[in-house]
Every structure is written in structure tokens, then in C-alpha cells.
N, C-alpha and C. Protein backbone atom coordinates (compact mmCIF):
# COMPACT_ATOMS: atom_id res chain seq x y z
N MET A 1 0.86 -1.16 0.00
CA MET A 1 0.00 0.00 0.00
C MET A 1 0.90 1.23 0.01
N LYS A 2 0.63 2.16 -0.91
CA LYS A 2 1.41 3.39 -1.01
C LYS A 2 0.49 4.61 -0.82
N LEU A 3 0.85 5.50 0.09
CA LEU A 3 0.10 6.72 0.29
C LEU A 3 0.45 7.68 -0.82
N VAL A 4 -0.55 8.40 -1.30
CA VAL A 4 -0.35 9.35 -2.39
C VAL A 4 -0.49 10.75 -1.83
N GLN A 5 0.46 11.63 -2.14
CA GLN A 5 0.47 12.99 -1.63
C GLN A 5 1.04 13.92 -2.71
N THR A 6 0.34 15.03 -3.00
CA THR A 6 0.81 16.02 -3.91
C THR A 6 0.52 17.41 -3.35
N ASN A 7 1.41 18.34 -3.61
CA ASN A 7 1.18 19.73 -3.21
C ASN A 7 0.27 20.46 -4.19
N LEU A 8 -0.14 19.79 -5.27
CA LEU A 8 -1.02 20.43 -6.25
C LEU A 8 -2.50 20.25 -5.89
N ALA A 9 -2.73 19.60 -4.75
CA ALA A 9 -4.11 19.46 -4.21
C ALA A 9 -4.04 19.76 -2.74
N PRO A 10 -5.16 20.11 -2.10
CA PRO A 10 -5.13 20.46 -0.69
C PRO A 10 -4.70 19.27 0.17
N ALA A 11 -3.95 19.58 1.24
CA ALA A 11 -3.55 18.55 2.19
C ALA A 11 -4.78 18.00 2.90
N ALA A 12 -4.68 16.80 3.36
CA ALA A 12 -5.78 16.19 4.14
C ALA A 12 -6.04 17.07 5.37
N ILE A 13 -7.33 17.22 5.70
CA ILE A 13 -7.68 18.03 6.86
C ILE A 13 -8.03 17.16 8.07
N GLY A 14 -7.49 15.96 8.08
CA GLY A 14 -7.71 15.03 9.17
C GLY A 14 -6.69 13.90 9.09
N PRO A 15 -6.92 12.84 9.86
CA PRO A 15 -5.98 11.71 9.90
C PRO A 15 -6.21 10.73 8.74
N TYR A 16 -5.97 11.20 7.52
CA TYR A 16 -6.13 10.38 6.32
C TYR A 16 -5.17 10.94 5.26
N SER A 17 -5.08 10.25 4.13
CA SER A 17 -4.21 10.69 3.05
C SER A 17 -5.09 11.17 1.88
N GLN A 18 -4.44 11.82 0.91
CA GLN A 18 -5.17 12.26 -0.28
C GLN A 18 -5.64 11.05 -1.10
N GLY A 19 -4.93 9.97 -0.96
CA GLY A 19 -5.31 8.73 -1.65
C GLY A 19 -4.35 7.63 -1.33
N VAL A 20 -4.74 6.43 -1.75
CA VAL A 20 -3.93 5.22 -1.51
C VAL A 20 -3.88 4.40 -2.78
N ALA A 21 -2.68 3.98 -3.12
CA ALA A 21 -2.51 3.06 -4.27
C ALA A 21 -2.25 1.66 -3.74
N VAL A 22 -3.00 0.69 -4.25
CA VAL A 22 -2.84 -0.70 -3.87
C VAL A 22 -2.82 -1.51 -5.15
N ASN A 23 -1.68 -2.19 -5.39
CA ASN A 23 -1.48 -2.92 -6.63
C ASN A 23 -1.72 -1.98 -7.81
N ASN A 24 -2.71 -2.24 -8.66
CA ASN A 24 -2.92 -1.35 -9.81
C ASN A 24 -4.17 -0.48 -9.63
N LEU A 25 -4.62 -0.27 -8.40
CA LEU A 25 -5.79 0.54 -8.14
C LEU A 25 -5.42 1.75 -7.28
N PHE A 26 -6.06 2.88 -7.58
CA PHE A 26 -5.93 4.08 -6.77
C PHE A 26 -7.28 4.42 -6.20
N TYR A 27 -7.31 4.69 -4.89
CA TYR A 27 -8.50 5.09 -4.18
C TYR A 27 -8.27 6.49 -3.67
N SER A 28 -9.04 7.45 -4.15
CA SER A 28 -8.88 8.83 -3.67
C SER A 28 -9.73 9.03 -2.43
N SER A 29 -9.27 9.93 -1.59
CA SER A 29 -10.14 10.44 -0.56
C SER A 29 -11.09 11.42 -1.25
N GLY A 30 -12.19 11.74 -0.60
CA GLY A 30 -13.11 12.71 -1.18
C GLY A 30 -12.43 14.06 -1.30
N GLN A 31 -12.61 14.69 -2.45
CA GLN A 31 -12.07 16.02 -2.69
C GLN A 31 -13.20 17.05 -2.64
N ILE A 32 -12.97 18.07 -1.82
CA ILE A 32 -13.92 19.18 -1.74
C ILE A 32 -13.28 20.40 -2.43
N PRO A 33 -14.01 21.49 -2.60
CA PRO A 33 -13.46 22.64 -3.34
C PRO A 33 -12.48 23.50 -2.54
N LEU A 34 -11.42 22.87 -2.07
CA LEU A 34 -10.33 23.61 -1.42
C LEU A 34 -9.25 23.81 -2.44
N THR A 35 -8.61 24.98 -2.43
CA THR A 35 -7.43 25.21 -3.27
C THR A 35 -6.27 24.41 -2.66
N PRO A 36 -5.17 24.25 -3.43
CA PRO A 36 -4.02 23.58 -2.84
C PRO A 36 -3.52 24.27 -1.55
N GLU A 37 -3.80 25.56 -1.39
CA GLU A 37 -3.40 26.30 -0.19
C GLU A 37 -4.40 26.11 0.96
N GLY A 38 -5.47 25.38 0.70
CA GLY A 38 -6.45 25.08 1.76
C GLY A 38 -7.57 26.11 1.89
N VAL A 39 -7.76 26.97 0.85
CA VAL A 39 -8.81 27.97 0.90
C VAL A 39 -10.06 27.42 0.21
N LEU A 40 -11.17 27.48 0.88
CA LEU A 40 -12.45 26.98 0.33
C LEU A 40 -12.95 27.94 -0.74
N ILE A 41 -13.30 27.36 -1.92
CA ILE A 41 -13.96 28.13 -2.96
C ILE A 41 -15.43 28.27 -2.53
N GLU A 42 -15.86 29.47 -2.27
CA GLU A 42 -17.23 29.67 -1.76
C GLU A 42 -18.15 30.20 -2.85
N GLY A 43 -17.71 30.13 -4.11
CA GLY A 43 -18.53 30.64 -5.20
C GLY A 43 -19.64 29.68 -5.56
N SER A 44 -20.05 29.75 -6.80
CA SER A 44 -21.15 28.93 -7.31
C SER A 44 -20.81 27.44 -7.25
N ILE A 45 -21.83 26.61 -7.37
CA ILE A 45 -21.60 25.17 -7.38
C ILE A 45 -20.73 24.80 -8.57
N GLU A 46 -20.83 25.56 -9.68
CA GLU A 46 -19.98 25.30 -10.85
C GLU A 46 -18.52 25.55 -10.50
N GLU A 47 -18.23 26.68 -9.85
CA GLU A 47 -16.86 27.00 -9.46
C GLU A 47 -16.32 25.95 -8.50
N GLN A 48 -17.16 25.54 -7.56
CA GLN A 48 -16.75 24.51 -6.61
C GLN A 48 -16.43 23.19 -7.30
N THR A 49 -17.27 22.81 -8.23
CA THR A 49 -17.11 21.55 -8.95
C THR A 49 -15.79 21.55 -9.80
N HIS A 50 -15.52 22.65 -10.44
CA HIS A 50 -14.28 22.75 -11.22
C HIS A 50 -13.08 22.59 -10.30
N GLN A 51 -13.11 23.18 -9.10
CA GLN A 51 -11.98 23.04 -8.17
C GLN A 51 -11.83 21.60 -7.70
N VAL A 52 -12.96 20.94 -7.45
CA VAL A 52 -12.90 19.52 -7.07
C VAL A 52 -12.21 18.72 -8.16
N PHE A 53 -12.54 18.97 -9.43
CA PHE A 53 -11.93 18.24 -10.50
C PHE A 53 -10.44 18.58 -10.68
N ARG A 54 -10.04 19.82 -10.40
CA ARG A 54 -8.61 20.15 -10.43
C ARG A 54 -7.90 19.35 -9.37
N ASN A 55 -8.50 19.22 -8.19
CA ASN A 55 -7.89 18.43 -7.12
C ASN A 55 -7.81 16.95 -7.49
N LEU A 56 -8.90 16.43 -8.04
CA LEU A 56 -8.89 15.00 -8.42
C LEU A 56 -7.85 14.73 -9.46
N LYS A 57 -7.75 15.60 -10.48
CA LYS A 57 -6.74 15.39 -11.53
C LYS A 57 -5.34 15.40 -10.94
N ALA A 58 -5.06 16.26 -9.96
CA ALA A 58 -3.74 16.33 -9.36
C ALA A 58 -3.40 15.04 -8.60
N VAL A 59 -4.32 14.52 -7.80
CA VAL A 59 -4.02 13.31 -7.02
C VAL A 59 -3.97 12.10 -7.94
N LEU A 60 -4.84 12.07 -8.95
CA LEU A 60 -4.78 10.97 -9.92
C LEU A 60 -3.42 10.95 -10.62
N GLU A 61 -2.96 12.09 -11.07
CA GLU A 61 -1.68 12.17 -11.78
C GLU A 61 -0.55 11.71 -10.87
N GLU A 62 -0.57 12.15 -9.64
CA GLU A 62 0.49 11.75 -8.68
C GLU A 62 0.49 10.24 -8.50
N ALA A 63 -0.66 9.63 -8.59
CA ALA A 63 -0.76 8.16 -8.40
C ALA A 63 -0.42 7.40 -9.67
N GLY A 64 -0.28 8.08 -10.79
CA GLY A 64 -0.02 7.40 -12.08
C GLY A 64 -1.32 6.98 -12.76
N ALA A 65 -2.40 7.70 -12.46
CA ALA A 65 -3.70 7.43 -13.05
C ALA A 65 -4.20 8.71 -13.71
N SER A 66 -5.45 8.71 -14.18
CA SER A 66 -6.03 9.92 -14.78
C SER A 66 -7.57 9.74 -14.79
N LEU A 67 -8.23 10.80 -15.18
CA LEU A 67 -9.71 10.71 -15.27
C LEU A 67 -10.11 9.61 -16.23
N SER A 68 -9.31 9.36 -17.27
CA SER A 68 -9.67 8.35 -18.24
C SER A 68 -9.50 6.91 -17.72
N THR A 69 -8.89 6.76 -16.53
CA THR A 69 -8.76 5.42 -15.96
C THR A 69 -9.67 5.22 -14.74
N VAL A 70 -10.51 6.21 -14.45
CA VAL A 70 -11.44 6.09 -13.33
C VAL A 70 -12.49 5.00 -13.66
N VAL A 71 -12.69 4.10 -12.72
CA VAL A 71 -13.67 3.05 -12.90
C VAL A 71 -14.94 3.27 -12.08
N LYS A 72 -14.82 4.09 -11.04
CA LYS A 72 -15.99 4.34 -10.14
C LYS A 72 -15.81 5.69 -9.47
N SER A 73 -16.90 6.45 -9.43
CA SER A 73 -16.88 7.70 -8.68
C SER A 73 -18.08 7.79 -7.80
N THR A 74 -17.94 8.55 -6.73
CA THR A 74 -19.06 8.85 -5.84
C THR A 74 -19.12 10.36 -5.66
N VAL A 75 -20.27 10.92 -5.96
CA VAL A 75 -20.52 12.35 -5.84
C VAL A 75 -21.44 12.59 -4.68
N PHE A 76 -21.01 13.49 -3.78
CA PHE A 76 -21.79 13.87 -2.62
C PHE A 76 -22.19 15.31 -2.81
N LEU A 77 -23.50 15.61 -2.72
CA LEU A 77 -24.01 16.96 -2.86
C LEU A 77 -24.72 17.36 -1.58
N SER A 78 -24.52 18.59 -1.13
CA SER A 78 -25.24 19.06 0.04
C SER A 78 -26.65 19.49 -0.34
N ASP A 79 -26.89 19.63 -1.67
CA ASP A 79 -28.23 20.01 -2.17
C ASP A 79 -28.43 19.35 -3.51
N LEU A 80 -29.31 18.37 -3.60
CA LEU A 80 -29.53 17.66 -4.85
C LEU A 80 -30.11 18.55 -5.94
N GLN A 81 -30.58 19.75 -5.57
CA GLN A 81 -31.05 20.72 -6.58
C GLN A 81 -29.88 21.13 -7.49
N ASN A 82 -28.63 20.92 -7.06
CA ASN A 82 -27.47 21.26 -7.85
C ASN A 82 -27.02 20.13 -8.80
N PHE A 83 -27.79 19.05 -8.83
CA PHE A 83 -27.39 17.88 -9.63
C PHE A 83 -27.11 18.24 -11.07
N ASP A 84 -28.02 18.95 -11.74
CA ASP A 84 -27.86 19.23 -13.16
C ASP A 84 -26.56 20.00 -13.47
N GLN A 85 -26.26 21.01 -12.65
CA GLN A 85 -25.05 21.81 -12.87
C GLN A 85 -23.81 20.95 -12.67
N VAL A 86 -23.80 20.15 -11.59
CA VAL A 86 -22.63 19.30 -11.32
C VAL A 86 -22.52 18.22 -12.39
N ASN A 87 -23.61 17.65 -12.81
CA ASN A 87 -23.62 16.61 -13.82
C ASN A 87 -23.07 17.14 -15.14
N THR A 88 -23.42 18.34 -15.52
CA THR A 88 -22.90 18.92 -16.76
C THR A 88 -21.40 19.07 -16.69
N ILE A 89 -20.86 19.58 -15.59
CA ILE A 89 -19.41 19.77 -15.46
C ILE A 89 -18.73 18.40 -15.38
N TYR A 90 -19.32 17.46 -14.68
CA TYR A 90 -18.80 16.11 -14.59
C TYR A 90 -18.63 15.54 -16.01
N GLY A 91 -19.62 15.73 -16.84
CA GLY A 91 -19.56 15.23 -18.23
C GLY A 91 -18.46 15.91 -19.02
N GLU A 92 -18.19 17.17 -18.77
CA GLU A 92 -17.13 17.89 -19.46
C GLU A 92 -15.76 17.26 -19.14
N TYR A 93 -15.55 16.87 -17.90
CA TYR A 93 -14.27 16.29 -17.49
C TYR A 93 -14.09 14.85 -17.94
N PHE A 94 -15.18 14.09 -17.96
CA PHE A 94 -15.04 12.69 -18.35
C PHE A 94 -15.24 12.44 -19.84
N GLY A 95 -15.87 13.37 -20.55
CA GLY A 95 -16.04 13.19 -21.97
C GLY A 95 -16.82 11.93 -22.27
N GLU A 96 -16.31 11.13 -23.19
CA GLU A 96 -16.95 9.89 -23.59
C GLU A 96 -16.73 8.76 -22.59
N HIS A 97 -15.77 8.95 -21.68
CA HIS A 97 -15.50 7.94 -20.64
C HIS A 97 -16.66 7.94 -19.66
N ARG A 98 -17.16 6.77 -19.36
CA ARG A 98 -18.35 6.68 -18.48
C ARG A 98 -18.10 5.73 -17.34
N PRO A 99 -17.36 6.16 -16.28
CA PRO A 99 -17.19 5.27 -15.14
C PRO A 99 -18.49 5.04 -14.39
N ALA A 100 -18.55 3.96 -13.63
CA ALA A 100 -19.73 3.74 -12.76
C ALA A 100 -19.78 4.92 -11.78
N ARG A 101 -20.97 5.28 -11.32
CA ARG A 101 -21.10 6.43 -10.45
C ARG A 101 -22.29 6.29 -9.53
N SER A 102 -22.09 6.83 -8.31
CA SER A 102 -23.20 7.02 -7.38
C SER A 102 -23.23 8.51 -7.08
N CYS A 103 -24.42 9.02 -6.83
CA CYS A 103 -24.60 10.41 -6.46
C CYS A 103 -25.63 10.48 -5.35
N VAL A 104 -25.24 11.09 -4.23
CA VAL A 104 -26.15 11.14 -3.09
C VAL A 104 -26.17 12.54 -2.49
N GLU A 105 -27.28 12.89 -1.91
CA GLU A 105 -27.40 14.13 -1.14
C GLU A 105 -27.06 13.82 0.30
N VAL A 106 -26.27 14.67 0.90
CA VAL A 106 -25.90 14.53 2.32
C VAL A 106 -26.31 15.81 3.05
N SER A 107 -26.45 15.71 4.35
CA SER A 107 -26.91 16.88 5.10
C SER A 107 -25.85 17.96 5.17
N LYS A 108 -24.57 17.56 5.26
CA LYS A 108 -23.49 18.54 5.33
C LYS A 108 -22.22 17.90 4.78
N LEU A 109 -21.33 18.75 4.28
CA LEU A 109 -20.01 18.34 3.84
C LEU A 109 -18.95 19.13 4.61
N PRO A 110 -17.73 18.62 4.69
CA PRO A 110 -16.69 19.33 5.42
C PRO A 110 -16.53 20.78 4.94
N LYS A 111 -16.29 21.67 5.87
CA LYS A 111 -16.04 23.11 5.60
C LYS A 111 -17.23 23.80 4.96
N GLY A 112 -18.41 23.17 4.92
CA GLY A 112 -19.57 23.78 4.31
C GLY A 112 -19.57 23.70 2.80
N ALA A 113 -18.79 22.79 2.21
CA ALA A 113 -18.71 22.64 0.76
C ALA A 113 -20.07 22.19 0.19
N GLY A 114 -20.25 22.47 -1.07
CA GLY A 114 -21.49 22.06 -1.74
C GLY A 114 -21.36 20.75 -2.47
N VAL A 115 -20.08 20.31 -2.74
CA VAL A 115 -19.85 19.09 -3.50
C VAL A 115 -18.57 18.45 -3.00
N GLU A 116 -18.55 17.12 -3.03
CA GLU A 116 -17.37 16.33 -2.75
C GLU A 116 -17.41 15.13 -3.69
N ILE A 117 -16.26 14.78 -4.26
CA ILE A 117 -16.19 13.64 -5.17
C ILE A 117 -14.99 12.78 -4.81
N GLU A 118 -15.20 11.45 -4.80
CA GLU A 118 -14.11 10.50 -4.63
C GLU A 118 -14.11 9.55 -5.81
N VAL A 119 -12.95 8.99 -6.11
CA VAL A 119 -12.84 8.07 -7.27
C VAL A 119 -12.00 6.85 -6.95
N ILE A 120 -12.20 5.82 -7.74
CA ILE A 120 -11.37 4.65 -7.79
C ILE A 120 -10.89 4.56 -9.23
N ALA A 121 -9.58 4.43 -9.45
CA ALA A 121 -9.03 4.42 -10.79
C ALA A 121 -7.98 3.35 -10.96
N LEU A 122 -7.80 2.91 -12.20
CA LEU A 122 -6.69 2.03 -12.53
C LEU A 122 -5.43 2.87 -12.69
N ILE A 123 -4.34 2.32 -12.18
CA ILE A 123 -3.04 2.99 -12.34
C ILE A 123 -2.44 2.49 -13.66
N LYS A 124 -1.99 3.44 -14.47
CA LYS A 124 -1.40 3.07 -15.77
C LYS A 124 -0.12 2.30 -15.56
N SER A 125 0.07 1.25 -16.37
CA SER A 125 1.31 0.49 -16.20
C SER A 125 2.41 1.05 -17.02
């Protein structure tokens, strides 16, 4: 098991890592709209979602994976009314690639974020 850490995404805000690589799989921790400096993006759900994807791309790259190797994602929304906006941006980042996905509404997310996404991806050989 290898812990994954990059300065291009926010540091973990608790006793966990940005992600873990095991054999040829990468498991990301949930990414919220924090900048790499740890500042929460408090703008629109669209701005928050773009930051989440910047963070995901950074940890995936550090692990030797990418959005194109994601096999499963989980999207957490603090308000399911934002589903359409998040779904549109999600589609922009994944393009024709269609990993399995779950999307759920939760009562709260860390730091008051509106969206959090975690992924499981294959590590490129």
C-alpha cells in the first residue's frame, strides 16, 4: 500500500491521506473545493465543482492514473437541486469515458462545501 500525496491538491484536513494506491488501483479520498493552499472556494456550485476536478486530476496524476482510468466515482451533494449543474461539469471532465457512479445528497459536507467527489481508478502500467 502506497500513500499518495501532492502539493497540487489540498492537504488532508484530518488523519487520512489524499489517496492510497494498492497494486494497480488508486482510491482517492473525497475532494472538496479547497485550493491547494487550503482555501475553500465559496462561489457557485460550478466553481466549486471545477476546483474539485482540479484536485482530483492532481491526485490521480500523482498516483499514475487519470480521469480516463477512473472506474468508479461517488458524488456527494449538500443540495440535490445542484445535480444538473454538477452533472454537466462532470460530463465535461469525463467526456466519452463513463465510469460507474453514485450520487447522493448529504446533510453537510466538510467546511460547508457544496460538493465532494471521490474516485477509484486504474493505475497506468
